Amino acid sequence: MAKEELLTLDGQIDEILPDGRFGVLLENDHRIIAYTAGKMRKFRIRSVVGDRVRVEMTPYDLSKGRIVFRDKGPGGGGVPGPRRTNRR
């Protein structure tokens, strides 16, 4: 059985919701609820309001999606935060 085709759209995060979800405004002016993909959680990629993101959606439910890529906007990057060390 083949996997269904996913829709990939670009958008911008406009709201941070509880439980690791985000309100995303797509380029076609639709607003959806999206969560971060597992790889983004694994590598602790943080998203904030104003970030440009790429969202995957299934054709069956066009109100929800999964954030698979975050593009740092202008002025992004900066100095990384403190690193955790495993000292005893």
PDB file of N, CA and C in Angstrom:
ATOM      1  N   MET A   1       0.843  -1.167   0.000  1.00  0.00           N
ATOM      2  CA  MET A   1       0.000   0.000   0.000  1.00  0.00           C
ATOM      3  C   MET A   1       0.894   1.238   0.000  1.00  0.00           C
ATOM      4  N   ALA A   2       0.659   2.125  -0.934  1.00  0.00           N
ATOM      5  CA  ALA A   2       1.489   3.312  -1.083  1.00  0.00           C
ATOM      6  C   ALA A   2       1.091   4.379  -0.070  1.00  0.00           C
ATOM      7  N   LYS A   3       2.066   5.180   0.280  1.00  0.00           N
ATOM      8  CA  LYS A   3       1.809   6.289   1.184  1.00  0.00           C
ATOM      9  C   LYS A   3       1.128   7.413   0.400  1.00  0.00           C
ATOM     10  N   GLU A   4       0.167   8.077   1.015  1.00  0.00           N
ATOM     11  CA  GLU A   4      -0.537   9.157   0.355  1.00  0.00           C
ATOM     12  C   GLU A   4       0.414  10.325   0.118  1.00  0.00           C
ATOM     13  N   GLU A   5       0.128  11.079  -0.903  1.00  0.00           N
ATOM     14  CA  GLU A   5       0.919  12.259  -1.202  1.00  0.00           C
ATOM     15  C   GLU A   5       0.634  13.336  -0.163  1.00  0.00           C
ATOM     16  N   LEU A   6       1.691  13.972   0.314  1.00  0.00           N
ATOM     17  CA  LEU A   6       1.546  15.049   1.282  1.00  0.00           C
ATOM     18  C   LEU A   6       1.638  16.384   0.568  1.00  0.00           C
ATOM     19  N   LEU A   7       0.883  17.344   1.034  1.00  0.00           N
ATOM     20  CA  LEU A   7       0.967  18.708   0.521  1.00  0.00           C
ATOM     21  C   LEU A   7       2.030  19.441   1.317  1.00  0.00           C
ATOM     22  N   THR A   8       2.927  20.119   0.641  1.00  0.00           N
ATOM     23  CA  THR A   8       3.962  20.905   1.316  1.00  0.00           C
ATOM     24  C   THR A   8       3.729  22.370   1.001  1.00  0.00           C
ATOM     25  N   LEU A   9       3.501  23.156   2.045  1.00  0.00           N
ATOM     26  CA  LEU A   9       3.211  24.579   1.888  1.00  0.00           C
ATOM     27  C   LEU A   9       4.124  25.392   2.783  1.00  0.00           C
ATOM     28  N   ASP A  10       4.347  26.650   2.406  1.00  0.00           N
ATOM     29  CA  ASP A  10       5.132  27.568   3.215  1.00  0.00           C
ATOM     30  C   ASP A  10       4.202  28.471   3.997  1.00  0.00           C
ATOM     31  N   GLY A  11       4.668  28.905   5.159  1.00  0.00           N
ATOM     32  CA  GLY A  11       3.859  29.792   5.984  1.00  0.00           C
ATOM     33  C   GLY A  11       4.713  30.494   7.014  1.00  0.00           C
ATOM     34  N   GLN A  12       4.043  31.164   7.928  1.00  0.00           N
ATOM     35  CA  GLN A  12       4.720  31.907   8.980  1.00  0.00           C
ATOM     36  C   GLN A  12       4.005  31.660  10.298  1.00  0.00           C
ATOM     37  N   ILE A  13       4.786  31.412  11.345  1.00  0.00           N
ATOM     38  CA  ILE A  13       4.215  31.187  12.678  1.00  0.00           C
ATOM     39  C   ILE A  13       3.671  32.507  13.200  1.00  0.00           C
ATOM     40  N   ASP A  14       2.391  32.510  13.594  1.00  0.00           N
ATOM     41  CA  ASP A  14       1.802  33.736  14.126  1.00  0.00           C
ATOM     42  C   ASP A  14       1.326  33.592  15.561  1.00  0.00           C
ATOM     43  N   GLU A  15       1.366  32.374  16.107  1.00  0.00           N
ATOM     44  CA  GLU A  15       0.907  32.176  17.482  1.00  0.00           C
ATOM     45  C   GLU A  15       1.525  30.896  18.039  1.00  0.00           C
ATOM     46  N   ILE A  16       1.904  30.946  19.306  1.00  0.00           N
ATOM     47  CA  ILE A  16       2.385  29.754  19.993  1.00  0.00           C
ATOM     48  C   ILE A  16       1.272  29.273  20.904  1.00  0.00           C
ATOM     49  N   LEU A  17       0.880  28.026  20.732  1.00  0.00           N
ATOM     50  CA  LEU A  17      -0.211  27.438  21.498  1.00  0.00           C
ATOM     51  C   LEU A  17       0.351  26.453  22.517  1.00  0.00           C
ATOM     52  N   PRO A  18      -0.430  26.080  23.513  1.00  0.00           N
ATOM     53  CA  PRO A  18       0.055  25.106  24.488  1.00  0.00           C
ATOM     54  C   PRO A  18       0.258  23.732  23.861  1.00  0.00           C
ATOM     55  N   ASP A  19       0.996  22.897  24.558  1.00  0.00           N
ATOM     56  CA  ASP A  19       1.211  21.501  24.179  1.00  0.00           C
ATOM     57  C   ASP A  19       2.035  21.356  22.903  1.00  0.00           C
ATOM     58  N   GLY A  20       2.961  22.283  22.665  1.00  0.00           N
ATOM     59  CA  GLY A  20       3.880  22.149  21.542  1.00  0.00           C
ATOM     60  C   GLY A  20       3.262  22.375  20.176  1.00  0.00           C
ATOM     61  N   ARG A  21       2.210  23.142  20.117  1.00  0.00           N
ATOM     62  CA  ARG A  21       1.553  23.413  18.840  1.00  0.00           C
ATOM     63  C   ARG A  21       1.712  24.890  18.482  1.00  0.00           C
ATOM     64  N   PHE A  22       1.525  25.176  17.204  1.00  0.00           N
ATOM     65  CA  PHE A  22       1.706  26.525  16.701  1.00  0.00           C
ATOM     66  C   PHE A  22       0.559  26.885  15.771  1.00  0.00           C
ATOM     67  N   GLY A  23       0.187  28.141  15.766  1.00  0.00           N
ATOM     68  CA  GLY A  23      -0.719  28.666  14.767  1.00  0.00           C
ATOM     69  C   GLY A  23       0.114  29.152  13.600  1.00  0.00           C
ATOM     70  N   VAL A  24      -0.159  28.660  12.401  1.00  0.00           N
ATOM     71  CA  VAL A  24       0.634  29.000  11.226  1.00  0.00           C
ATOM     72  C   VAL A  24      -0.290  29.633  10.189  1.00  0.00           C
ATOM     73  N   LEU A  25       0.126  30.785   9.681  1.00  0.00           N
ATOM     74  CA  LEU A  25      -0.597  31.453   8.604  1.00  0.00           C
ATOM     75  C   LEU A  25       0.097  31.095   7.297  1.00  0.00           C
ATOM     76  N   LEU A  26      -0.602  30.358   6.432  1.00  0.00           N
ATOM     77  CA  LEU A  26      -0.020  29.906   5.175  1.00  0.00           C
ATOM     78  C   LEU A  26       0.011  31.041   4.158  1.00  0.00           C
ATOM     79  N   GLU A  27       0.784  30.830   3.079  1.00  0.00           N
ATOM     80  CA  GLU A  27       0.893  31.853   2.048  1.00  0.00           C
ATOM     81  C   GLU A  27      -0.434  32.136   1.360  1.00  0.00           C
ATOM     82  N   ASN A  28      -1.340  31.148   1.355  1.00  0.00           N
ATOM     83  CA  ASN A  28      -2.645  31.359   0.714  1.00  0.00           C
ATOM     84  C   ASN A  28      -3.678  31.906   1.703  1.00  0.00           C
ATOM     85  N   ASP A  29      -3.211  32.508   2.802  1.00  0.00           N
ATOM     86  CA  ASP A  29      -4.032  33.176   3.829  1.00  0.00           C
ATOM     87  C   ASP A  29      -4.958  32.241   4.591  1.00  0.00           C
ATOM     88  N   HIS A  30      -4.663  30.963   4.652  1.00  0.00           N
ATOM     89  CA  HIS A  30      -5.385  30.030   5.517  1.00  0.00           C
ATOM     90  C   HIS A  30      -4.580  29.858   6.792  1.00  0.00           C
ATOM     91  N   ARG A  31      -5.277  29.687   7.905  1.00  0.00           N
ATOM     92  CA  ARG A  31      -4.610  29.492   9.196  1.00  0.00           C
ATOM     93  C   ARG A  31      -4.825  28.063   9.642  1.00  0.00           C
ATOM     94  N   ILE A  32      -3.734  27.397  10.035  1.00  0.00           N
ATOM     95  CA  ILE A  32      -3.818  26.013  10.486  1.00  0.00           C
ATOM     96  C   ILE A  32      -3.122  25.870  11.828  1.00  0.00           C
ATOM     97  N   ILE A  33      -3.339  24.726  12.458  1.00  0.00           N
ATOM     98  CA  ILE A  33      -2.648  24.349  13.687  1.00  0.00           C
ATOM     99  C   ILE A  33      -1.591  23.321  13.293  1.00  0.00           C
ATOM    100  N   ALA A  34      -0.345  23.541  13.716  1.00  0.00           N
ATOM    101  CA  ALA A  34       0.742  22.642  13.327  1.00  0.00           C
ATOM    102  C   ALA A  34       1.578  22.272  14.549  1.00  0.00           C
ATOM    103  N   TYR A  35       2.211  21.108  14.468  1.00  0.00           N
ATOM    104  CA  TYR A  35       3.131  20.675  15.510  1.00  0.00           C
ATOM    105  C   TYR A  35       4.486  20.419  14.876  1.00  0.00           C
ATOM    106  N   THR A  36       5.531  20.359  15.692  1.00  0.00           N
ATOM    107  CA  THR A  36       6.874  20.166  15.150  1.00  0.00           C
ATOM    108  C   THR A  36       7.124  18.692  14.864  1.00  0.00           C
ATOM    109  N   ALA A  37       7.860  18.429  13.814  1.00  0.00           N
ATOM    110  CA  ALA A  37       8.205  17.067  13.428  1.00  0.00           C
ATOM    111  C   ALA A  37       9.175  16.465  14.442  1.00  0.00           C
ATOM    112  N   GLY A  38       9.276  15.163  14.439  1.00  0.00           N
ATOM    113  CA  GLY A  38      10.124  14.460  15.393  1.00  0.00           C
ATOM    114  C   GLY A  38      11.589  14.832  15.299  1.00  0.00           C
ATOM    115  N   LYS A  39      12.117  15.005  14.085  1.00  0.00           N
ATOM    116  CA  LYS A  39      13.532  15.382  13.925  1.00  0.00           C
ATOM    117  C   LYS A  39      13.790  16.761  14.508  1.00  0.00           C
ATOM    118  N   MET A  40      12.827  17.666  14.375  1.00  0.00           N
ATOM    119  CA  MET A  40      13.014  18.998  14.939  1.00  0.00           C
ATOM    120  C   MET A  40      13.018  18.942  16.459  1.00  0.00           C
ATOM    121  N   ARG A  41      12.174  18.072  17.028  1.00  0.00           N
ATOM    122  CA  ARG A  41      12.191  17.892  18.483  1.00  0.00           C
ATOM    123  C   ARG A  41      13.487  17.227  18.932  1.00  0.00           C
ATOM    124  N   LYS A  42      13.934  16.237  18.178  1.00  0.00           N
ATOM    125  CA  LYS A  42      15.141  15.496  18.534  1.00  0.00           C
ATOM    126  C   LYS A  42      16.369  16.409  18.595  1.00  0.00           C
ATOM    127  N   PHE A  43      16.490  17.302  17.624  1.00  0.00           N
ATOM    128  CA  PHE A  43      17.645  18.192  17.569  1.00  0.00           C
ATOM    129  C   PHE A  43      17.382  19.540  18.216  1.00  0.00           C
ATOM    130  N   ARG A  44      16.263  19.643  18.955  1.00  0.00           N
ATOM    131  CA  ARG A  44      15.890  20.817  19.742  1.00  0.00           C
ATOM    132  C   ARG A  44      15.888  22.101  18.914  1.00  0.00           C
ATOM    133  N   ILE A  45      15.258  22.044  17.748  1.00  0.00           N
ATOM    134  CA  ILE A  45      15.111  23.227  16.905  1.00  0.00           C
ATOM    135  C   ILE A  45      13.894  23.991  17.410  1.00  0.00           C
ATOM    136  N   ARG A  46      14.125  25.187  17.902  1.00  0.00           N
ATOM    137  CA  ARG A  46      13.059  25.993  18.491  1.00  0.00           C
ATOM    138  C   ARG A  46      12.450  26.900  17.438  1.00  0.00           C
ATOM    139  N   SER A  47      11.168  27.152  17.561  1.00  0.00           N
ATOM    140  CA  SER A  47      10.458  28.036  16.652  1.00  0.00           C
ATOM    141  C   SER A  47       9.806  29.143  17.463  1.00  0.00           C
ATOM    142  N   VAL A  48       9.839  30.343  16.923  1.00  0.00           N
ATOM    143  CA  VAL A  48       9.237  31.491  17.595  1.00  0.00           C
ATOM    144  C   VAL A  48       8.311  32.197  16.616  1.00  0.00           C
ATOM    145  N   VAL A  49       7.508  33.127  17.133  1.00  0.00           N
ATOM    146  CA  VAL A  49       6.582  33.880  16.300  1.00  0.00           C
ATOM    147  C   VAL A  49       7.386  34.667  15.263  1.00  0.00           C
ATOM    148  N   GLY A  50       6.959  34.583  14.019  1.00  0.00           N
ATOM    149  CA  GLY A  50       7.629  35.303  12.941  1.00  0.00           C
ATOM    150  C   GLY A  50       8.522  34.426  12.083  1.00  0.00           C
ATOM    151  N   ASP A  51       8.821  33.200  12.521  1.00  0.00           N
ATOM    152  CA  ASP A  51       9.664  32.306  11.727  1.00  0.00           C
ATOM    153  C   ASP A  51       8.912  31.828  10.495  1.00  0.00           C
ATOM    154  N   ARG A  52       9.608  31.755   9.368  1.00  0.00           N
ATOM    155  CA  ARG A  52       9.058  31.156   8.159  1.00  0.00           C
ATOM    156  C   ARG A  52       9.249  29.648   8.279  1.00  0.00           C
ATOM    157  N   VAL A  53       8.220  28.881   7.984  1.00  0.00           N
ATOM    158  CA  VAL A  53       8.278  27.430   8.136  1.00  0.00           C
ATOM    159  C   VAL A  53       7.709  26.744   6.900  1.00  0.00           C
ATOM    160  N   ARG A  54       8.105  25.482   6.728  1.00  0.00           N
ATOM    161  CA  ARG A  54       7.517  24.622   5.696  1.00  0.00           C
ATOM    162  C   ARG A  54       6.667  23.589   6.421  1.00  0.00           C
ATOM    163  N   VAL A  55       5.426  23.440   5.965  1.00  0.00           N
ATOM    164  CA  VAL A  55       4.447  22.587   6.641  1.00  0.00           C
ATOM    165  C   VAL A  55       4.001  21.481   5.698  1.00  0.00           C
ATOM    166  N   GLU A  56       3.961  20.246   6.204  1.00  0.00           N
ATOM    167  CA  GLU A  56       3.392  19.122   5.455  1.00  0.00           C
ATOM    168  C   GLU A  56       1.980  18.881   5.958  1.00  0.00           C
ATOM    169  N   MET A  57       1.068  18.663   5.011  1.00  0.00           N
ATOM    170  CA  MET A  57      -0.332  18.421   5.360  1.00  0.00           C
ATOM    171  C   MET A  57      -0.836  17.236   4.557  1.00  0.00           C
ATOM    172  N   THR A  58      -1.775  16.501   5.123  1.00  0.00           N
ATOM    173  CA  THR A  58      -2.428  15.432   4.404  1.00  0.00           C
ATOM    174  C   THR A  58      -3.650  16.005   3.689  1.00  0.00           C
ATOM    175  N   PRO A  59      -3.999  15.478   2.537  1.00  0.00           N
ATOM    176  CA  PRO A  59      -5.171  16.012   1.836  1.00  0.00           C
ATOM    177  C   PRO A  59      -6.500  15.723   2.537  1.00  0.00           C
ATOM    178  N   TYR A  60      -6.485  14.851   3.550  1.00  0.00           N
ATOM    179  CA  TYR A  60      -7.716  14.485   4.241  1.00  0.00           C
ATOM    180  C   TYR A  60      -8.140  15.498   5.290  1.00  0.00           C
ATOM    181  N   ASP A  61      -7.164  16.179   5.926  1.00  0.00           N
ATOM    182  CA  ASP A  61      -7.481  17.167   6.961  1.00  0.00           C
ATOM    183  C   ASP A  61      -6.641  18.412   6.701  1.00  0.00           C
ATOM    184  N   LEU A  62      -7.241  19.418   6.107  1.00  0.00           N
ATOM    185  CA  LEU A  62      -6.504  20.616   5.718  1.00  0.00           C
ATOM    186  C   LEU A  62      -6.468  21.677   6.809  1.00  0.00           C
ATOM    187  N   SER A  63      -6.806  21.295   8.033  1.00  0.00           N
ATOM    188  CA  SER A  63      -6.747  22.253   9.137  1.00  0.00           C
ATOM    189  C   SER A  63      -5.579  21.975  10.083  1.00  0.00           C
ATOM    190  N   LYS A  64      -4.872  20.881   9.858  1.00  0.00           N
ATOM    191  CA  LYS A  64      -3.744  20.517  10.714  1.00  0.00           C
ATOM    192  C   LYS A  64      -2.535  20.180   9.852  1.00  0.00           C
ATOM    193  N   GLY A  65      -1.336  20.348  10.428  1.00  0.00           N
ATOM    194  CA  GLY A  65      -0.128  20.051   9.681  1.00  0.00           C
ATOM    195  C   GLY A  65       1.044  19.775  10.598  1.00  0.00           C
ATOM    196  N   ARG A  66       2.188  19.468   9.977  1.00  0.00           N
ATOM    197  CA  ARG A  66       3.424  19.151  10.695  1.00  0.00           C
ATOM    198  C   ARG A  66       4.529  20.055  10.158  1.00  0.00           C
ATOM    199  N   ILE A  67       5.189  20.783  11.050  1.00  0.00           N
ATOM    200  CA  ILE A  67       6.287  21.671  10.661  1.00  0.00           C
ATOM    201  C   ILE A  67       7.524  20.809  10.431  1.00  0.00           C
ATOM    202  N   VAL A  68       8.073  20.855   9.213  1.00  0.00           N
ATOM    203  CA  VAL A  68       9.219  20.017   8.887  1.00  0.00           C
ATOM    204  C   VAL A  68      10.494  20.818   8.647  1.00  0.00           C
ATOM    205  N   PHE A  69      10.377  22.142   8.484  1.00  0.00           N
ATOM    206  CA  PHE A  69      11.564  22.966   8.243  1.00  0.00           C
ATOM    207  C   PHE A  69      11.300  24.362   8.770  1.00  0.00           C
ATOM    208  N   ARG A  70      12.307  24.935   9.436  1.00  0.00           N
ATOM    209  CA  ARG A  70      12.209  26.312   9.935  1.00  0.00           C
ATOM    210  C   ARG A  70      13.298  27.132   9.289  1.00  0.00           C
ATOM    211  N   ASP A  71      12.919  28.255   8.700  1.00  0.00           N
ATOM    212  CA  ASP A  71      13.870  29.154   8.070  1.00  0.00           C
ATOM    213  C   ASP A  71      14.068  30.335   8.993  1.00  0.00           C
ATOM    214  N   LYS A  72      15.298  30.518   9.436  1.00  0.00           N
ATOM    215  CA  LYS A  72      15.571  31.674  10.276  1.00  0.00           C
ATOM    216  C   LYS A  72      15.417  32.922   9.439  1.00  0.00           C
ATOM    217  N   GLY A  73      14.688  33.859   9.930  1.00  0.00           N
ATOM    218  CA  GLY A  73      14.448  35.096   9.204  1.00  0.00           C
ATOM    219  C   GLY A  73      15.668  35.998   9.235  1.00  0.00           C
ATOM    220  N   PRO A  74      15.526  37.216   8.729  1.00  0.00           N
ATOM    221  CA  PRO A  74      16.645  38.155   8.766  1.00  0.00           C
ATOM    222  C   PRO A  74      17.017  38.472  10.208  1.00  0.00           C
ATOM    223  N   GLY A  75      18.301  38.501  10.461  1.00  0.00           N
ATOM    224  CA  GLY A  75      18.775  38.765  11.815  1.00  0.00           C
ATOM    225  C   GLY A  75      18.779  37.537  12.692  1.00  0.00           C
ATOM    226  N   GLY A  76      18.408  36.380  12.143  1.00  0.00           N
ATOM    227  CA  GLY A  76      18.419  35.131  12.915  1.00  0.00           C
ATOM    228  C   GLY A  76      19.837  34.622  13.074  1.00  0.00           C
ATOM    229  N   GLY A  77      19.989  33.559  13.741  1.00  0.00           N
ATOM    230  CA  GLY A  77      21.336  33.016  13.957  1.00  0.00           C
ATOM    231  C   GLY A  77      21.804  33.408  15.332  1.00  0.00           C
ATOM    232  N   GLY A  78      22.619  34.419  15.402  1.00  0.00           N
ATOM    233  CA  GLY A  78      23.045  34.936  16.692  1.00  0.00           C
ATOM    234  C   GLY A  78      23.941  33.967  17.436  1.00  0.00           C
ATOM    235  N   VAL A  79      24.107  34.234  18.710  1.00  0.00           N
ATOM    236  CA  VAL A  79      24.975  33.429  19.563  1.00  0.00           C
ATOM    237  C   VAL A  79      24.174  32.260  20.120  1.00  0.00           C
ATOM    238  N   PRO A  80      24.699  31.035  20.020  1.00  0.00           N
ATOM    239  CA  PRO A  80      23.965  29.898  20.588  1.00  0.00           C
ATOM    240  C   PRO A  80      23.900  29.993  22.101  1.00  0.00           C
ATOM    241  N   GLY A  81      22.894  29.380  22.676  1.00  0.00           N
ATOM    242  CA  GLY A  81      22.711  29.399  24.119  1.00  0.00           C
ATOM    243  C   GLY A  81      23.757  28.549  24.837  1.00  0.00           C
ATOM    244  N   PRO A  82      23.704  28.554  26.162  1.00  0.00           N
ATOM    245  CA  PRO A  82      24.690  27.773  26.916  1.00  0.00           C
ATOM    246  C   PRO A  82      24.507  26.278  26.673  1.00  0.00           C
ATOM    247  N   ARG A  83      25.626  25.582  26.637  1.00  0.00           N
ATOM    248  CA  ARG A  83      25.587  24.134  26.436  1.00  0.00           C
ATOM    249  C   ARG A  83      25.547  23.423  27.761  1.00  0.00           C
ATOM    250  N   ARG A  84      24.841  22.329  27.768  1.00  0.00           N
ATOM    251  CA  ARG A  84      24.832  21.499  28.979  1.00  0.00           C
ATOM    252  C   ARG A  84      26.044  20.608  28.971  1.00  0.00           C
ATOM    253  N   THR A  85      26.643  20.482  30.113  1.00  0.00           N
ATOM    254  CA  THR A  85      27.769  19.569  30.243  1.00  0.00           C
ATOM    255  C   THR A  85      27.406  18.527  31.284  1.00  0.00           C
ATOM    256  N   ASN A  86      27.906  17.355  31.113  1.00  0.00           N
ATOM    257  CA  ASN A  86      27.616  16.272  32.045  1.00  0.00           C
ATOM    258  C   ASN A  86      28.734  16.142  33.070  1.00  0.00           C
ATOM    259  N   ARG A  87      28.908  17.185  33.845  1.00  0.00           N
ATOM    260  CA  ARG A  87      29.922  17.150  34.903  1.00  0.00           C
ATOM    261  C   ARG A  87      29.310  16.596  36.179  1.00  0.00           C
ATOM    262  N   ARG A  88      30.134  15.990  36.954  1.00  0.00           N
ATOM    263  CA  ARG A  88      29.675  15.485  38.243  1.00  0.00           C
ATOM    264  C   ARG A  88      30.325  16.213  39.373  1.00  0.00           C
TER     265      ARG A  88
END
